[in-house]
PDB file of N, CA and C in Angstrom:
ATOM      1  N   MET A   1      96.892 -63.824 -56.750  1.00  0.00           N
ATOM      2  CA  MET A   1      95.761 -64.664 -57.045  1.00  0.00           C
ATOM      3  C   MET A   1      96.247 -65.864 -57.845  1.00  0.00           C
ATOM      4  N   SER A   2      96.087 -67.065 -57.302  1.00  0.00           N
ATOM      5  CA  SER A   2      96.549 -68.267 -57.983  1.00  0.00           C
ATOM      6  C   SER A   2      95.417 -68.862 -58.811  1.00  0.00           C
ATOM      7  N   ARG A   3      95.821 -69.480 -59.880  1.00  0.00           N
ATOM      8  CA  ARG A   3      94.854 -70.089 -60.776  1.00  0.00           C
ATOM      9  C   ARG A   3      94.790 -71.583 -60.483  1.00  0.00           C
ATOM     10  N   LYS A   4      93.600 -72.091 -60.225  1.00  0.00           N
ATOM     11  CA  LYS A   4      93.439 -73.503 -59.911  1.00  0.00           C
ATOM     12  C   LYS A   4      93.332 -74.302 -61.200  1.00  0.00           C
ATOM     13  N   THR A   5      94.004 -75.452 -61.201  1.00  0.00           N
ATOM     14  CA  THR A   5      93.897 -76.365 -62.314  1.00  0.00           C
ATOM     15  C   THR A   5      92.646 -77.201 -62.104  1.00  0.00           C
ATOM     16  N   PRO A   6      91.798 -77.302 -63.133  1.00  0.00           N
ATOM     17  CA  PRO A   6      90.578 -78.102 -62.947  1.00  0.00           C
ATOM     18  C   PRO A   6      90.918 -79.568 -62.744  1.00  0.00           C
ATOM     19  N   ALA A   7      90.098 -80.230 -61.961  1.00  0.00           N
ATOM     20  CA  ALA A   7      90.301 -81.656 -61.713  1.00  0.00           C
ATOM     21  C   ALA A   7      90.073 -82.423 -63.006  1.00  0.00           C
ATOM     22  N   PRO A   8      90.849 -83.484 -63.209  1.00  0.00           N
ATOM     23  CA  PRO A   8      90.638 -84.264 -64.425  1.00  0.00           C
ATOM     24  C   PRO A   8      89.257 -84.903 -64.420  1.00  0.00           C
ATOM     25  N   PRO A   9      88.643 -85.012 -65.585  1.00  0.00           N
ATOM     26  CA  PRO A   9      87.311 -85.626 -65.635  1.00  0.00           C
ATOM     27  C   PRO A   9      87.373 -87.080 -65.169  1.00  0.00           C
ATOM     28  N   ALA A  10      86.302 -87.517 -64.599  1.00  0.00           N
ATOM     29  CA  ALA A  10      86.227 -88.891 -64.098  1.00  0.00           C
ATOM     30  C   ALA A  10      86.209 -89.872 -65.265  1.00  0.00           C
ATOM     31  N   LEU A  11      86.615 -91.097 -64.979  1.00  0.00           N
ATOM     32  CA  LEU A  11      86.531 -92.142 -65.991  1.00  0.00           C
ATOM     33  C   LEU A  11      85.068 -92.407 -66.307  1.00  0.00           C
ATOM     34  N   PRO A  12      84.791 -92.827 -67.506  1.00  0.00           N
ATOM     35  CA  PRO A  12      83.404 -93.140 -67.855  1.00  0.00           C
ATOM     36  C   PRO A  12      82.882 -94.316 -67.037  1.00  0.00           C
ATOM     37  N   ALA A  13      81.574 -94.382 -66.910  1.00  0.00           N
ATOM     38  CA  ALA A  13      80.959 -95.460 -66.133  1.00  0.00           C
ATOM     39  C   ALA A  13      81.050 -96.796 -66.854  1.00  0.00           C
ATOM     40  N   SER A  14      81.149 -96.759 -68.181  1.00  0.00           N
ATOM     41  CA  SER A  14      81.194 -98.002 -68.944  1.00  0.00           C
ATOM     42  C   SER A  14      81.872 -97.762 -70.285  1.00  0.00           C
ATOM     43  N   TYR A  15      82.132 -98.849 -70.975  1.00  0.00           N
ATOM     44  CA  TYR A  15      82.714 -98.770 -72.312  1.00  0.00           C
ATOM     45  C   TYR A  15      81.773 -97.991 -73.240  1.00  0.00           C
ATOM     46  N   GLY A  16      80.478 -98.274 -73.142  1.00  0.00           N
ATOM     47  CA  GLY A  16      79.494 -97.581 -73.974  1.00  0.00           C
ATOM     48  C   GLY A  16      79.482 -96.082 -73.726  1.00  0.00           C
ATOM     49  N   ASP A  17      79.611 -95.685 -72.473  1.00  0.00           N
ATOM     50  CA  ASP A  17      79.672 -94.260 -72.142  1.00  0.00           C
ATOM     51  C   ASP A  17      80.924 -93.618 -72.744  1.00  0.00           C
ATOM     52  N   ALA A  18      82.030 -94.335 -72.696  1.00  0.00           N
ATOM     53  CA  ALA A  18      83.278 -93.811 -73.252  1.00  0.00           C
ATOM     54  C   ALA A  18      83.149 -93.603 -74.758  1.00  0.00           C
ATOM     55  N   VAL A  19      82.548 -94.568 -75.434  1.00  0.00           N
ATOM     56  CA  VAL A  19      82.364 -94.455 -76.881  1.00  0.00           C
ATOM     57  C   VAL A  19      81.450 -93.280 -77.201  1.00  0.00           C
ATOM     58  N   ALA A  20      80.380 -93.117 -76.433  1.00  0.00           N
ATOM     59  CA  ALA A  20      79.469 -91.998 -76.660  1.00  0.00           C
ATOM     60  C   ALA A  20      80.188 -90.661 -76.457  1.00  0.00           C
ATOM     61  N   GLN A  21      81.008 -90.567 -75.416  1.00  0.00           N
ATOM     62  CA  GLN A  21      81.766 -89.340 -75.182  1.00  0.00           C
ATOM     63  C   GLN A  21      82.755 -89.081 -76.310  1.00  0.00           C
ATOM     64  N   LEU A  22      83.400 -90.139 -76.798  1.00  0.00           N
ATOM     65  CA  LEU A  22      84.334 -89.989 -77.915  1.00  0.00           C
ATOM     66  C   LEU A  22      83.607 -89.482 -79.159  1.00  0.00           C
ATOM     67  N   GLU A  23      82.424 -90.015 -79.421  1.00  0.00           N
ATOM     68  CA  GLU A  23      81.654 -89.575 -80.582  1.00  0.00           C
ATOM     69  C   GLU A  23      81.297 -88.091 -80.472  1.00  0.00           C
ATOM     70  N   GLN A  24      80.933 -87.650 -79.278  1.00  0.00           N
ATOM     71  CA  GLN A  24      80.621 -86.240 -79.073  1.00  0.00           C
ATOM     72  C   GLN A  24      81.855 -85.366 -79.269  1.00  0.00           C
ATOM     73  N   LEU A  25      82.990 -85.823 -78.736  1.00  0.00           N
ATOM     74  CA  LEU A  25      84.232 -85.066 -78.895  1.00  0.00           C
ATOM     75  C   LEU A  25      84.618 -84.950 -80.366  1.00  0.00           C
ATOM     76  N   ILE A  26      84.519 -86.045 -81.084  1.00  0.00           N
ATOM     77  CA  ILE A  26      84.879 -86.038 -82.497  1.00  0.00           C
ATOM     78  C   ILE A  26      83.974 -85.095 -83.270  1.00  0.00           C
ATOM     79  N   ALA A  27      82.685 -85.139 -82.978  1.00  0.00           N
ATOM     80  CA  ALA A  27      81.749 -84.241 -83.655  1.00  0.00           C
ATOM     81  C   ALA A  27      82.115 -82.785 -83.379  1.00  0.00           C
ATOM     82  N   GLY A  28      82.465 -82.488 -82.143  1.00  0.00           N
ATOM     83  CA  GLY A  28      82.852 -81.120 -81.795  1.00  0.00           C
ATOM     84  C   GLY A  28      84.130 -80.691 -82.482  1.00  0.00           C
ATOM     85  N   LEU A  29      85.105 -81.598 -82.533  1.00  0.00           N
ATOM     86  CA  LEU A  29      86.374 -81.286 -83.191  1.00  0.00           C
ATOM     87  C   LEU A  29      86.179 -81.091 -84.691  1.00  0.00           C
ATOM     88  N   GLU A  30      85.361 -81.945 -85.299  1.00  0.00           N
ATOM     89  CA  GLU A  30      85.139 -81.865 -86.740  1.00  0.00           C
ATOM     90  C   GLU A  30      84.285 -80.673 -87.135  1.00  0.00           C
ATOM     91  N   SER A  31      83.483 -80.179 -86.207  1.00  0.00           N
ATOM     92  CA  SER A  31      82.597 -79.064 -86.543  1.00  0.00           C
ATOM     93  C   SER A  31      83.357 -77.773 -86.793  1.00  0.00           C
ATOM     94  N   GLY A  32      84.536 -77.677 -86.212  1.00  0.00           N
ATOM     95  CA  GLY A  32      85.309 -76.450 -86.363  1.00  0.00           C
ATOM     96  C   GLY A  32      84.763 -75.298 -85.536  1.00  0.00           C
ATOM     97  N   GLN A  33      83.854 -75.577 -84.634  1.00  0.00           N
ATOM     98  CA  GLN A  33      83.210 -74.533 -83.839  1.00  0.00           C
ATOM     99  C   GLN A  33      83.856 -74.316 -82.480  1.00  0.00           C
ATOM    100  N   LEU A  34      84.796 -75.177 -82.110  1.00  0.00           N
ATOM    101  CA  LEU A  34      85.440 -75.029 -80.805  1.00  0.00           C
ATOM    102  C   LEU A  34      86.490 -73.931 -80.855  1.00  0.00           C
ATOM    103  N   PRO A  35      86.559 -73.130 -79.818  1.00  0.00           N
ATOM    104  CA  PRO A  35      87.631 -72.139 -79.753  1.00  0.00           C
ATOM    105  C   PRO A  35      88.983 -72.848 -79.684  1.00  0.00           C
ATOM    106  N   LEU A  36      89.981 -72.221 -80.210  1.00  0.00           N
ATOM    107  CA  LEU A  36      91.318 -72.792 -80.259  1.00  0.00           C
ATOM    108  C   LEU A  36      91.791 -73.231 -78.876  1.00  0.00           C
ATOM    109  N   GLU A  37      91.446 -72.462 -77.847  1.00  0.00           N
ATOM    110  CA  GLU A  37      91.872 -72.776 -76.483  1.00  0.00           C
ATOM    111  C   GLU A  37      91.290 -74.099 -75.999  1.00  0.00           C
ATOM    112  N   ASP A  38      90.137 -74.487 -76.519  1.00  0.00           N
ATOM    113  CA  ASP A  38      89.478 -75.716 -76.071  1.00  0.00           C
ATOM    114  C   ASP A  38      89.920 -76.944 -76.854  1.00  0.00           C
ATOM    115  N   LEU A  39      90.500 -76.756 -78.017  1.00  0.00           N
ATOM    116  CA  LEU A  39      90.855 -77.884 -78.869  1.00  0.00           C
ATOM    117  C   LEU A  39      91.823 -78.850 -78.201  1.00  0.00           C
ATOM    118  N   LEU A  40      92.875 -78.325 -77.593  1.00  0.00           N
ATOM    119  CA  LEU A  40      93.865 -79.195 -76.969  1.00  0.00           C
ATOM    120  C   LEU A  40      93.250 -79.989 -75.818  1.00  0.00           C
ATOM    121  N   GLY A  41      92.449 -79.343 -74.999  1.00  0.00           N
ATOM    122  CA  GLY A  41      91.803 -80.033 -73.885  1.00  0.00           C
ATOM    123  C   GLY A  41      90.870 -81.134 -74.372  1.00  0.00           C
ATOM    124  N   GLN A  42      90.126 -80.859 -75.421  1.00  0.00           N
ATOM    125  CA  GLN A  42      89.225 -81.871 -75.977  1.00  0.00           C
ATOM    126  C   GLN A  42      90.013 -83.030 -76.583  1.00  0.00           C
ATOM    127  N   TYR A  43      91.105 -82.698 -77.241  1.00  0.00           N
ATOM    128  CA  TYR A  43      91.955 -83.739 -77.822  1.00  0.00           C
ATOM    129  C   TYR A  43      92.548 -84.618 -76.717  1.00  0.00           C
ATOM    130  N   GLN A  44      92.996 -83.996 -75.642  1.00  0.00           N
ATOM    131  CA  GLN A  44      93.554 -84.758 -74.517  1.00  0.00           C
ATOM    132  C   GLN A  44      92.495 -85.661 -73.892  1.00  0.00           C
ATOM    133  N   ARG A  45      91.300 -85.157 -73.727  1.00  0.00           N
ATOM    134  CA  ARG A  45      90.217 -85.972 -73.181  1.00  0.00           C
ATOM    135  C   ARG A  45      89.928 -87.153 -74.109  1.00  0.00           C
ATOM    136  N   GLY A  46      89.970 -86.899 -75.398  1.00  0.00           N
ATOM    137  CA  GLY A  46      89.762 -87.975 -76.359  1.00  0.00           C
ATOM    138  C   GLY A  46      90.810 -89.065 -76.240  1.00  0.00           C
ATOM    139  N   THR A  47      92.067 -88.680 -76.025  1.00  0.00           N
ATOM    140  CA  THR A  47      93.115 -89.692 -75.878  1.00  0.00           C
ATOM    141  C   THR A  47      92.920 -90.490 -74.587  1.00  0.00           C
ATOM    142  N   GLU A  48      92.440 -89.846 -73.533  1.00  0.00           N
ATOM    143  CA  GLU A  48      92.157 -90.557 -72.279  1.00  0.00           C
ATOM    144  C   GLU A  48      91.032 -91.572 -72.483  1.00  0.00           C
ATOM    145  N   LEU A  49      89.989 -91.155 -73.187  1.00  0.00           N
ATOM    146  CA  LEU A  49      88.865 -92.045 -73.445  1.00  0.00           C
ATOM    147  C   LEU A  49      89.288 -93.215 -74.340  1.00  0.00           C
ATOM    148  N   LEU A  50      90.100 -92.917 -75.331  1.00  0.00           N
ATOM    149  CA  LEU A  50      90.596 -93.965 -76.216  1.00  0.00           C
ATOM    150  C   LEU A  50      91.434 -94.975 -75.445  1.00  0.00           C
ATOM    151  N   ARG A  51      92.274 -94.493 -74.553  1.00  0.00           N
ATOM    152  CA  ARG A  51      93.093 -95.386 -73.721  1.00  0.00           C
ATOM    153  C   ARG A  51      92.192 -96.265 -72.849  1.00  0.00           C
ATOM    154  N   TYR A  52      91.161 -95.669 -72.266  1.00  0.00           N
ATOM    155  CA  TYR A  52      90.209 -96.424 -71.448  1.00  0.00           C
ATOM    156  C   TYR A  52      89.549 -97.525 -72.277  1.00  0.00           C
ATOM    157  N   CYS A  53      89.104 -97.187 -73.485  1.00  0.00           N
ATOM    158  CA  CYS A  53      88.445 -98.170 -74.344  1.00  0.00           C
ATOM    159  C   CYS A  53      89.395 -99.299 -74.711  1.00  0.00           C
ATOM    160  N   ARG A  54      90.619 -98.965 -75.059  1.00  0.00           N
ATOM    161  CA  ARG A  54      91.600-100.000 -75.411  1.00  0.00           C
ATOM    162  C   ARG A  54      91.861-100.931 -74.232  1.00  0.00           C
ATOM    163  N   GLU A  55      91.984-100.372 -73.047  1.00  0.00           N
ATOM    164  CA  GLU A  55      92.233-101.192 -71.861  1.00  0.00           C
ATOM    165  C   GLU A  55      91.059-102.125 -71.590  1.00  0.00           C
ATOM    166  N   ARG A  56      89.845-101.610 -71.737  1.00  0.00           N
ATOM    167  CA  ARG A  56      88.658-102.445 -71.519  1.00  0.00           C
ATOM    168  C   ARG A  56      88.589-103.566 -72.551  1.00  0.00           C
ATOM    169  N   LEU A  57      88.870-103.239 -73.814  1.00  0.00           N
ATOM    170  CA  LEU A  57      88.854-104.259 -74.865  1.00  0.00           C
ATOM    171  C   LEU A  57      89.908-105.328 -74.615  1.00  0.00           C
ATOM    172  N   GLN A  58      91.100-104.914 -74.189  1.00  0.00           N
ATOM    173  CA  GLN A  58      92.158-105.883 -73.899  1.00  0.00           C
ATOM    174  C   GLN A  58      91.763-106.787 -72.739  1.00  0.00           C
ATOM    175  N   ALA A  59      91.108-106.233 -71.738  1.00  0.00           N
ATOM    176  CA  ALA A  59      90.665-107.037 -70.600  1.00  0.00           C
ATOM    177  C   ALA A  59      89.633-108.070 -71.048  1.00  0.00           C
ATOM    178  N   VAL A  60      88.705-107.655 -71.887  1.00  0.00           N
ATOM    179  CA  VAL A  60      87.683-108.591 -72.377  1.00  0.00           C
ATOM    180  C   VAL A  60      88.326-109.660 -73.260  1.00  0.00           C
ATOM    181  N   GLU A  61      89.258-109.259 -74.118  1.00  0.00           N
ATOM    182  CA  GLU A  61      89.953-110.233 -74.960  1.00  0.00           C
ATOM    183  C   GLU A  61      90.684-111.266 -74.117  1.00  0.00           C
ATOM    184  N   SER A  62      91.292-110.834 -73.028  1.00  0.00           N
ATOM    185  CA  SER A  62      91.985-111.759 -72.133  1.00  0.00           C
ATOM    186  C   SER A  62      91.000-112.743 -71.506  1.00  0.00           C
ATOM    187  N   GLN A  63      89.846-112.246 -71.097  1.00  0.00           N
ATOM    188  CA  GLN A  63      88.837-113.116 -70.498  1.00  0.00           C
ATOM    189  C   GLN A  63      88.315-114.129 -71.512  1.00  0.00           C
ATOM    190  N   VAL A  64      88.106-113.682 -72.749  1.00  0.00           N
ATOM    191  CA  VAL A  64      87.628-114.588 -73.790  1.00  0.00           C
ATOM    192  C   VAL A  64      88.674-115.658 -74.067  1.00  0.00           C
ATOM    193  N   LYS A  65      89.936-115.274 -74.093  1.00  0.00           N
ATOM    194  CA  LYS A  65      91.012-116.244 -74.334  1.00  0.00           C
ATOM    195  C   LYS A  65      91.026-117.305 -73.238  1.00  0.00           C
ATOM    196  N   VAL A  66      90.871-116.889 -71.989  1.00  0.00           N
ATOM    197  CA  VAL A  66      90.833-117.849 -70.886  1.00  0.00           C
ATOM    198  C   VAL A  66      89.651-118.793 -71.057  1.00  0.00           C
ATOM    199  N   LEU A  67      88.493-118.251 -71.410  1.00  0.00           N
ATOM    200  CA  LEU A  67      87.311-119.096 -71.611  1.00  0.00           C
ATOM    201  C   LEU A  67      87.506-120.059 -72.778  1.00  0.00           C
ATOM    202  N   ASP A  68      88.102-119.573 -73.869  1.00  0.00           N
ATOM    203  CA  ASP A  68      88.366-120.434 -75.023  1.00  0.00           C
ATOM    204  C   ASP A  68      89.337-121.549 -74.659  1.00  0.00           C
ATOM    205  N   ASP A  69      90.386-121.203 -73.912  1.00  0.00           N
ATOM    206  CA  ASP A  69      91.366-122.206 -73.496  1.00  0.00           C
ATOM    207  C   ASP A  69      90.716-123.255 -72.608  1.00  0.00           C
ATOM    208  N   ASP A  70      89.854-122.795 -71.692  1.00  0.00           N
ATOM    209  CA  ASP A  70      89.156-123.737 -70.803  1.00  0.00           C
ATOM    210  C   ASP A  70      88.224-124.642 -71.608  1.00  0.00           C
ATOM    211  N   ALA A  71      87.544-124.081 -72.591  1.00  0.00           N
ATOM    212  CA  ALA A  71      86.616-124.869 -73.405  1.00  0.00           C
ATOM    213  C   ALA A  71      87.371-125.889 -74.246  1.00  0.00           C
ATOM    214  N   ALA A  72      88.543-125.547 -74.732  1.00  0.00           N
ATOM    215  CA  ALA A  72      89.338-126.471 -75.543  1.00  0.00           C
ATOM    216  C   ALA A  72      89.839-127.641 -74.697  1.00  0.00           C
ATOM    217  N   GLU A  73      90.089-127.405 -73.432  1.00  0.00           N
ATOM    218  CA  GLU A  73      90.582-128.459 -72.543  1.00  0.00           C
ATOM    219  C   GLU A  73      89.476-129.331 -71.978  1.00  0.00           C
ATOM    220  N   ALA A  74      88.255-128.844 -72.039  1.00  0.00           N
ATOM    221  CA  ALA A  74      87.129-129.593 -71.455  1.00  0.00           C
ATOM    222  C   ALA A  74      86.851-130.847 -72.289  1.00  0.00           C
ATOM    223  N   GLN A  75      86.425-131.871 -71.588  1.00  0.00           N
ATOM    224  CA  GLN A  75      86.046-133.108 -72.266  1.00  0.00           C
ATOM    225  C   GLN A  75      84.681-132.900 -72.918  1.00  0.00           C
ATOM    226  N   PRO A  76      84.504-133.440 -74.107  1.00  0.00           N
ATOM    227  CA  PRO A  76      83.183-133.319 -74.742  1.00  0.00           C
ATOM    228  C   PRO A  76      82.123-134.026 -73.911  1.00  0.00           C
ATOM    229  N   TRP A  77      80.958-133.469 -73.865  1.00  0.00           N
ATOM    230  CA  TRP A  77      79.878-134.020 -73.081  1.00  0.00           C
ATOM    231  C   TRP A  77      79.153-135.069 -73.924  1.00  0.00           C
ATOM    232  N   THR A  78      78.923-136.204 -73.346  1.00  0.00           N
ATOM    233  CA  THR A  78      78.176-137.261 -74.051  1.00  0.00           C
ATOM    234  C   THR A  78      77.047-137.720 -73.167  1.00  0.00           C
ATOM    235  N   ASP A  79      76.034-138.234 -73.781  1.00  0.00           N
ATOM    236  CA  ASP A  79      74.848-138.702 -73.049  1.00  0.00           C
ATOM    237  C   ASP A  79      74.868-140.219 -72.950  1.00  0.00           C
ATOM    238  N   GLU A  80      75.891-140.732 -72.308  1.00  0.00           N
ATOM    239  CA  GLU A  80      76.029-142.181 -72.156  1.00  0.00           C
ATOM    240  C   GLU A  80      75.873-142.607 -70.728  1.00  0.00           C
TER     241      GLU A  80
END
């Protein structure tokens, strides 16, 4: 009888969903109520969510930088 490895959880639908999941994980970890067997899995999921959030933030920062650079190069608008 072989033991199946569960499929990895899907990525969150949004940054807000990831943050909400992280908050739930942290609350569970801090509560001390999780069985020892579940702690590592929850910690791993937390690191995945954290990585997702960091990647999303970096993508937004890159977009803002492009917009800022474009705005700095734009000619000021005058009503002449």
